[in-house]
Protein backbone atom coordinates (compact mmCIF):
# COMPACT_ATOMS: atom_id res chain seq x y z
CA MET A 1 -52.92 -54.48 60.23
CA THR A 2 -56.58 -53.56 60.80
CA THR A 3 -58.05 -50.36 59.47
CA GLN A 4 -60.66 -48.59 61.58
CA LEU A 5 -63.66 -47.36 59.66
CA PHE A 6 -64.68 -43.72 60.01
CA LEU A 7 -67.98 -43.42 61.85
CA PRO A 8 -69.68 -40.03 61.36
CA ILE A 9 -71.18 -38.33 64.38
CA PRO A 10 -74.98 -38.06 64.20
CA ALA A 11 -76.26 -34.60 63.44
CA ARG A 12 -77.29 -32.63 66.52
CA PRO A 13 -80.58 -30.71 66.64
CA ALA A 14 -80.37 -27.01 65.87
CA PRO A 15 -80.20 -24.80 68.96
CA LEU A 16 -83.42 -23.15 70.02
CA ARG A 17 -83.76 -19.47 69.42
CA ARG A 18 -83.35 -17.38 72.54
CA ALA A 19 -84.91 -14.19 71.18
CA GLY A 20 -88.16 -13.30 69.49
CA ALA A 21 -91.83 -13.91 70.13
CA LEU A 22 -91.68 -17.71 69.70
CA ALA A 23 -88.78 -17.99 72.13
CA TRP A 24 -90.68 -15.89 74.69
CA LEU A 25 -93.79 -18.03 74.31
CA ARG A 26 -91.75 -21.21 74.68
CA ALA A 27 -89.95 -19.97 77.77
CA ASN A 28 -92.89 -18.37 79.59
CA LEU A 29 -96.07 -20.11 78.44
CA PHE A 30 -95.20 -23.48 76.90
CA GLY A 31 -92.01 -24.50 78.70
CA ASN A 32 -93.34 -27.95 79.70
CA ARG A 33 -96.58 -29.92 79.74
CA SER A 34 -97.94 -28.47 82.95
CA SER A 35 -97.12 -24.92 81.85
CA ALA A 36 -98.76 -25.47 78.46
CA PHE A 37 -101.85 -27.01 80.09
CA THR A 38 -102.18 -24.06 82.50
CA THR A 39 -101.76 -21.61 79.61
CA LEU A 40 -104.52 -23.29 77.62
CA ILE A 41 -106.90 -23.33 80.60
CA LEU A 42 -106.31 -19.65 81.37
CA GLY A 43 -106.62 -18.79 77.68
CA ALA A 44 -109.98 -20.55 77.48
CA LEU A 45 -111.13 -18.74 80.63
CA LEU A 46 -110.14 -15.39 79.13
CA LEU A 47 -112.01 -16.18 75.93
CA TYR A 48 -115.08 -16.92 78.04
CA VAL A 49 -114.89 -13.83 80.27
CA LEU A 50 -113.19 -11.17 78.12
CA PRO A 51 -115.77 -10.72 75.29
CA PRO A 52 -118.72 -10.01 77.65
CA PHE A 53 -116.57 -7.67 79.72
CA LEU A 54 -115.40 -5.74 76.63
CA ASP A 55 -118.99 -5.54 75.43
CA TRP A 56 -120.04 -4.06 78.78
CA ALA A 57 -116.99 -1.85 79.37
CA VAL A 58 -116.38 -0.54 75.84
CA LEU A 59 -118.98 -1.31 73.20
CA ARG A 60 -122.14 -0.50 75.18
CA ALA A 61 -120.50 1.93 77.60
CA SER A 62 -121.75 5.45 78.17
CA TRP A 63 -119.00 8.05 78.26
CA ARG A 64 -121.12 11.18 78.69
CA PRO A 65 -121.76 12.55 82.22
CA SER A 66 -125.47 11.92 81.85
CA VAL A 67 -127.48 9.86 84.32
CA GLU A 68 -130.25 9.34 81.76
CA ALA A 69 -127.81 7.88 79.23
CA CYS A 70 -126.37 5.55 81.85
CA ARG A 71 -129.81 4.30 82.87
CA ALA A 72 -131.02 3.69 79.33
CA ASP A 73 -131.97 0.13 78.37
CA GLY A 74 -129.03 -1.86 77.10
CA ALA A 75 -126.45 0.60 78.41
CA GLY A 76 -123.20 -0.88 79.61
CA ALA A 77 -120.63 0.69 81.89
CA CYS A 78 -121.25 4.28 82.95
CA TRP A 79 -117.85 5.95 82.67
CA GLY A 80 -119.60 9.29 82.80
CA VAL A 81 -119.48 9.03 86.59
CA ILE A 82 -115.70 9.43 86.38
CA THR A 83 -116.08 12.46 84.13
CA GLU A 84 -118.57 13.98 86.54
CA LYS A 85 -116.84 13.15 89.85
CA TYR A 86 -113.14 12.89 89.02
CA ARG A 87 -112.15 16.04 90.91
CA ILE A 88 -113.69 14.81 94.15
CA ILE A 89 -112.29 11.30 93.63
CA LEU A 90 -108.76 12.52 92.98
CA LEU A 91 -108.63 15.52 95.33
CA GLY A 92 -111.22 14.77 98.03
CA ARG A 93 -112.79 17.62 100.00
CA TYR A 94 -110.13 20.16 99.14
CA PRO A 95 -111.70 23.55 98.28
CA PHE A 96 -112.75 23.59 94.64
CA ASP A 97 -111.15 26.94 93.75
CA GLU A 98 -107.83 25.93 95.38
CA GLN A 99 -107.44 22.50 93.79
CA TRP A 100 -104.49 23.66 91.69
CA ARG A 101 -102.47 23.49 94.91
CA PRO A 102 -102.82 19.74 95.57
CA LEU A 103 -102.36 19.13 91.85
CA LEU A 104 -99.05 21.01 91.82
CA ALA A 105 -97.97 19.39 95.12
CA THR A 106 -98.69 15.91 93.73
CA LEU A 107 -96.72 16.59 90.55
CA LEU A 108 -93.76 17.78 92.64
CA MET A 109 -93.91 14.65 94.81
CA LEU A 110 -94.19 12.32 91.82
CA GLY A 111 -91.28 14.08 90.12
CA LEU A 112 -89.20 13.67 93.27
CA LEU A 113 -90.04 9.98 93.52
CA MET A 114 -89.12 9.38 89.87
CA LEU A 115 -85.87 11.30 90.31
CA SER A 116 -85.06 9.23 93.40
CA CYS A 117 -85.35 6.06 91.32
CA VAL A 118 -82.60 7.14 88.91
CA ARG A 119 -79.24 5.70 89.91
CA ALA A 120 -77.28 8.70 88.66
CA CYS A 121 -79.21 10.92 91.11
CA TRP A 122 -78.21 8.97 94.22
CA LYS A 123 -76.08 11.86 95.46
CA PRO A 124 -76.02 13.82 98.74
CA TRP A 125 -77.99 16.65 97.13
CA LEU A 126 -80.96 14.30 96.75
CA ALA A 127 -81.56 14.37 100.52
CA ALA A 128 -81.61 18.18 100.44
CA LEU A 129 -84.04 18.05 97.51
CA TRP A 130 -86.36 15.85 99.57
CA VAL A 131 -86.42 18.48 102.31
CA VAL A 132 -87.17 21.25 99.81
CA VAL A 133 -89.93 19.35 97.98
CA LEU A 134 -91.60 18.20 101.19
CA SER A 135 -91.53 21.75 102.50
CA LEU A 136 -93.14 23.02 99.29
CA TYR A 137 -95.69 20.20 99.48
CA PHE A 138 -96.88 21.17 102.94
CA VAL A 139 -96.81 24.89 102.09
CA LEU A 140 -99.02 24.28 99.07
CA MET A 141 -101.38 21.90 100.82
CA TYR A 142 -101.74 23.66 104.17
CA GLY A 143 -101.28 27.26 103.07
CA ASN A 144 -101.52 30.03 105.67
CA THR A 145 -98.41 31.59 104.10
CA LEU A 146 -97.33 33.29 100.87
CA GLY A 147 -100.86 34.57 100.45
CA LEU A 148 -102.38 31.06 100.37
CA SER A 149 -105.52 30.38 102.37
CA GLN A 150 -105.30 27.82 105.16
CA VAL A 151 -106.70 24.34 104.49
CA GLU A 152 -106.81 21.98 107.48
CA THR A 153 -105.36 18.50 107.08
CA ASP A 154 -108.73 16.84 107.64
CA ARG A 155 -109.80 18.28 104.27
CA TRP A 156 -106.87 16.75 102.42
CA GLY A 157 -107.75 13.66 100.46
CA GLY A 158 -107.63 11.69 97.26
CA LEU A 159 -104.43 10.94 95.40
CA PRO A 160 -102.26 13.60 97.13
CA LEU A 161 -102.98 12.11 100.54
CA THR A 162 -102.37 8.54 99.32
CA ILE A 163 -99.00 9.45 97.80
CA LEU A 164 -97.99 11.47 100.88
CA LEU A 165 -98.82 8.71 103.36
CA ALA A 166 -97.23 5.97 101.27
CA SER A 167 -94.04 7.89 100.46
CA LEU A 168 -93.35 9.18 103.97
CA SER A 169 -94.27 5.93 105.72
CA ILE A 170 -91.93 3.94 103.46
CA ALA A 171 -89.12 6.49 103.78
CA LEU A 172 -89.44 6.75 107.56
CA SER A 173 -90.07 3.07 108.32
CA PHE A 174 -87.06 1.73 106.42
CA PRO A 175 -84.26 3.17 108.63
CA LEU A 176 -86.27 2.29 111.73
CA ALA A 177 -86.75 -1.26 110.44
CA LEU A 178 -83.02 -1.50 109.73
CA LEU A 179 -82.17 -0.62 113.33
CA ILE A 180 -84.79 -3.05 114.67
CA ALA A 181 -83.46 -5.88 112.50
CA LEU A 182 -79.92 -5.24 113.72
CA GLY A 183 -81.23 -5.00 117.28
CA ARG A 184 -82.85 -8.43 117.03
CA ARG A 185 -79.42 -9.88 116.24
CA ALA A 186 -77.57 -7.82 118.87
CA SER A 187 -75.50 -9.52 121.54
CA LEU A 188 -77.02 -7.40 124.33
CA PRO A 189 -80.08 -9.24 125.71
CA ALA A 190 -81.92 -6.02 126.66
CA ILE A 191 -81.77 -4.58 123.12
CA ARG A 192 -82.61 -7.92 121.54
CA THR A 193 -85.58 -8.46 123.83
CA LEU A 194 -86.89 -4.92 123.35
CA CYS A 195 -86.78 -5.23 119.54
CA THR A 196 -88.36 -8.69 119.63
CA VAL A 197 -91.23 -7.53 121.85
CA TYR A 198 -91.86 -4.55 119.57
CA VAL A 199 -91.97 -6.68 116.42
CA GLU A 200 -94.18 -9.39 117.90
CA LEU A 201 -96.52 -6.87 119.50
CA VAL A 202 -97.04 -4.81 116.34
CA ARG A 203 -97.35 -7.84 114.06
CA GLY A 204 -99.91 -9.34 116.40
CA VAL A 205 -102.52 -6.62 115.78
CA PRO A 206 -104.11 -5.43 112.50
CA LEU A 207 -103.33 -2.03 111.06
CA VAL A 208 -106.93 -0.97 111.66
CA SER A 209 -106.34 -1.29 115.41
CA VAL A 210 -103.14 0.74 115.19
CA LEU A 211 -104.89 3.52 113.30
CA PHE A 212 -107.80 3.47 115.73
CA MET A 213 -105.43 3.77 118.68
CA ALA A 214 -103.44 6.57 117.01
CA SER A 215 -106.52 8.56 116.06
CA PHE A 216 -108.94 8.06 118.96
CA MET A 217 -107.15 6.54 121.95
CA PHE A 218 -103.81 8.36 121.85
CA PRO A 219 -105.34 11.88 122.35
CA LEU A 220 -106.94 10.66 125.59
CA PHE A 221 -103.48 10.24 127.14
CA MET A 222 -102.34 13.72 126.17
CA PRO A 223 -102.47 16.68 128.59
CA GLN A 224 -105.58 18.80 128.38
CA GLY A 225 -105.28 21.42 125.66
CA PHE A 226 -102.45 19.58 123.88
CA SER A 227 -103.29 17.96 120.56
CA ILE A 228 -101.33 16.39 117.71
CA ASP A 229 -102.71 16.67 114.20
CA VAL A 230 -104.60 13.58 113.07
CA LEU A 231 -102.48 13.31 109.91
CA LEU A 232 -99.28 13.11 111.96
CA ARG A 233 -100.81 10.50 114.27
CA VAL A 234 -101.93 8.36 111.34
CA LEU A 235 -98.56 8.73 109.63
CA ALA A 236 -96.79 7.66 112.82
CA GLY A 237 -99.09 4.64 113.17
CA ILE A 238 -98.50 3.44 109.60
CA THR A 239 -94.74 4.02 109.94
CA LEU A 240 -94.45 2.02 113.16
CA PHE A 241 -96.61 -0.75 111.74
CA ALA A 242 -94.64 -0.95 108.49
CA ALA A 243 -91.30 -0.90 110.34
CA ALA A 244 -92.13 -4.14 112.17
CA TYR A 245 -92.85 -6.05 108.96
CA THR A 246 -89.91 -4.54 107.07
CA ALA A 247 -87.59 -5.40 109.96
CA GLU A 248 -88.43 -9.09 109.65
CA VAL A 249 -87.71 -9.01 105.92
CA ILE A 250 -84.33 -7.37 106.54
CA ARG A 251 -83.55 -9.84 109.35
CA GLY A 252 -84.04 -12.68 106.89
CA GLY A 253 -81.46 -11.07 104.62
CA LEU A 254 -79.02 -10.60 107.51
CA GLN A 255 -79.26 -14.30 108.36
CA SER A 256 -78.36 -15.23 104.78
CA VAL A 257 -74.90 -13.61 105.02
CA PRO A 258 -72.30 -16.26 106.03
CA LEU A 259 -70.74 -15.76 109.44
CA GLY A 260 -67.32 -16.21 107.90
CA GLN A 261 -67.59 -12.87 106.13
CA VAL A 262 -68.27 -11.11 109.42
CA GLU A 263 -65.28 -12.84 110.99
CA ALA A 264 -63.09 -11.94 108.01
CA ALA A 265 -64.13 -8.29 108.34
CA ALA A 266 -63.22 -8.40 112.04
CA THR A 267 -59.76 -9.73 111.23
CA LEU A 268 -59.26 -6.76 108.90
CA GLY A 269 -59.93 -4.42 111.80
CA LEU A 270 -63.34 -3.20 110.71
CA SER A 271 -65.66 -1.99 113.44
CA TYR A 272 -69.19 -3.33 113.91
CA TRP A 273 -70.84 -0.49 111.97
CA GLN A 274 -68.20 -0.62 109.23
CA THR A 275 -68.81 -4.34 108.86
CA GLN A 276 -72.54 -3.86 108.62
CA ARG A 277 -72.29 -0.95 106.17
CA LEU A 278 -69.60 -2.35 103.86
CA VAL A 279 -70.03 -6.13 104.07
CA VAL A 280 -73.29 -7.36 105.56
CA LEU A 281 -76.03 -4.89 104.58
CA PRO A 282 -75.21 -4.66 100.84
CA GLN A 283 -75.52 -8.43 100.51
CA ALA A 284 -78.51 -8.75 102.83
CA LEU A 285 -80.58 -6.02 101.18
CA SER A 286 -79.86 -7.27 97.67
CA THR A 287 -80.97 -10.76 98.72
CA VAL A 288 -84.34 -9.64 100.12
CA LEU A 289 -85.07 -6.93 97.55
CA PRO A 290 -88.20 -8.72 96.20
CA GLY A 291 -89.53 -9.07 99.75
CA LEU A 292 -88.85 -5.42 100.50
CA MET A 293 -90.65 -4.25 97.38
CA ASN A 294 -93.55 -6.56 98.16
CA ASN A 295 -93.77 -4.95 101.60
CA PHE A 296 -93.62 -1.44 100.12
CA ILE A 297 -96.46 -2.28 97.73
CA ALA A 298 -98.50 -3.56 100.68
CA ILE A 299 -97.86 -0.29 102.54
CA PHE A 300 -99.07 1.70 99.53
CA LYS A 301 -102.30 -0.30 99.42
CA ASP A 302 -102.78 -0.20 103.19
CA THR A 303 -103.15 3.57 103.06
CA SER A 304 -106.76 2.91 102.01
CA LEU A 305 -107.50 2.00 105.66
CA VAL A 306 -107.14 5.59 106.85
CA THR A 307 -110.77 6.13 105.83
CA ILE A 308 -111.81 4.73 109.22
CA VAL A 309 -110.26 7.80 110.90
CA SER A 310 -112.05 10.26 108.56
CA LEU A 311 -109.11 10.85 106.20
CA TYR A 312 -110.49 10.43 102.72
CA GLU A 313 -107.76 9.06 100.45
CA LEU A 314 -108.61 7.54 97.05
CA THR A 315 -111.15 4.94 98.12
CA GLY A 316 -112.59 7.24 100.78
CA SER A 317 -112.92 10.08 98.28
CA LEU A 318 -114.80 7.79 95.93
CA SER A 319 -117.31 6.91 98.64
CA LEU A 320 -117.59 10.58 99.52
CA ALA A 321 -118.25 11.52 95.89
CA LEU A 322 -120.93 8.90 95.26
CA ASN A 323 -122.69 8.67 98.62
CA SER A 324 -123.43 12.39 98.56
CA ASP A 325 -125.19 12.16 95.19
CA ALA A 326 -128.07 9.68 94.93
CA ASP A 327 -128.19 9.94 91.11
CA TRP A 328 -124.67 8.58 90.66
CA ARG A 329 -124.68 6.18 93.63
CA PRO A 330 -125.68 3.07 91.58
CA PHE A 331 -122.49 3.31 89.51
CA LYS A 332 -119.96 2.43 92.19
CA ILE A 333 -118.50 -0.45 90.17
CA GLU A 334 -117.14 1.91 87.52
CA GLY A 335 -115.69 4.15 90.24
CA TYR A 336 -113.95 1.28 91.97
CA LEU A 337 -112.56 0.03 88.65
CA PHE A 338 -111.10 3.50 88.10
CA ILE A 339 -109.52 3.43 91.58
CA ALA A 340 -108.22 -0.10 90.96
CA LEU A 341 -106.57 1.09 87.75
CA ILE A 342 -104.75 3.86 89.64
CA TYR A 343 -103.53 1.42 92.29
CA PHE A 344 -102.46 -1.04 89.60
CA VAL A 345 -100.42 1.58 87.73
CA PHE A 346 -98.48 2.56 90.85
CA CYS A 347 -97.98 -1.01 92.10
CA PHE A 348 -96.97 -2.27 88.66
CA ALA A 349 -94.45 0.57 88.33
CA MET A 350 -92.96 -0.33 91.72
CA SER A 351 -92.72 -3.98 90.69
CA ARG A 352 -91.00 -3.15 87.38
CA TYR A 353 -88.55 -0.88 89.18
CA SER A 354 -87.71 -3.70 91.58
CA LEU A 355 -86.91 -5.98 88.64
CA TRP A 356 -84.73 -3.26 87.12
CA VAL A 357 -82.75 -2.92 90.35
CA GLU A 358 -82.37 -6.72 90.61
CA ARG A 359 -81.04 -6.87 87.05
CA HIS A 360 -78.44 -4.19 87.76
CA ILE A 361 -77.40 -5.96 90.97
CA ARG A 362 -76.83 -9.21 89.04
CA GLN A 363 -74.77 -7.37 86.44
CA ASP A 364 -72.62 -5.79 89.16
CA GLN A 365 -72.09 -9.15 90.85
CA GLN A 366 -70.99 -10.77 87.58
CA ARG A 367 -68.21 -8.25 87.03
């Protein structure tokens, strides 16, 4: 009778930590050789560029609104231009004594947008709140009621105009894009062809051309004496342009839903719209959520193009503030960095919110 010897199992390596700073560095910066090499190259580049930039932007910077201090020998960045011109940059050509109105209107709009991002507030009353806040926004900005003086839309500008154009164009283009995406997959050839022609036609021209047509060419086709406000024309142009791109993103999500689920919904007796609302669209929109948010961020940045039709949003207000004052004109770089920071804050917030929504969708799908 043979006796088998006991052979011990070799010790296994300890599991890697999944939390903490070292785990984050290992997962995001040093996951493999190529990742580590790229991290080292970018780190060396930052060490080469960052110290001179900090010396110019912080250590030798001039913070006082003094042209003489900014032009002194050895002076770095002139942030005094922001201190001197911030009201024009942020609020454009709006009357100086009435600038509390666009400030209050912007705070109301930002509060509404933040409230709309909270999942617990996705109730029917939120739609009514949008109507109320938008009404207050236009009352405050335009005036001519409640004892407020009238301010024409061509004098609106800066951050209030940027937020208004971006918010309304996104909100209005999304349902239109949804219908166009469904139309491109419709069984009726006329509807499918019409939606396809619209998408290809709009995507084949730049937004600058659309804004030019809406602002300068469209009034030529109107009856004599009839005119539509330039802000409404520009808003319509951005909305129609954004709808074409958003529709293609949504169509990609619709194509990702298996046909078997549509057939299963039909066997349960669901109508076409019930199938789309309960089965297809929830899956399609969750699939293309990163693409949708990327498109929304692009719409927010594309509002800077309205300067060509004499609507001075953030970038236009900056040019207006500096070009009218020869003393501060040489310090455009600091002004554009300030504008870039504002755009970055809004775009970064939209990106983080998209990741938050994706995380909640994954948690719901795992239940």
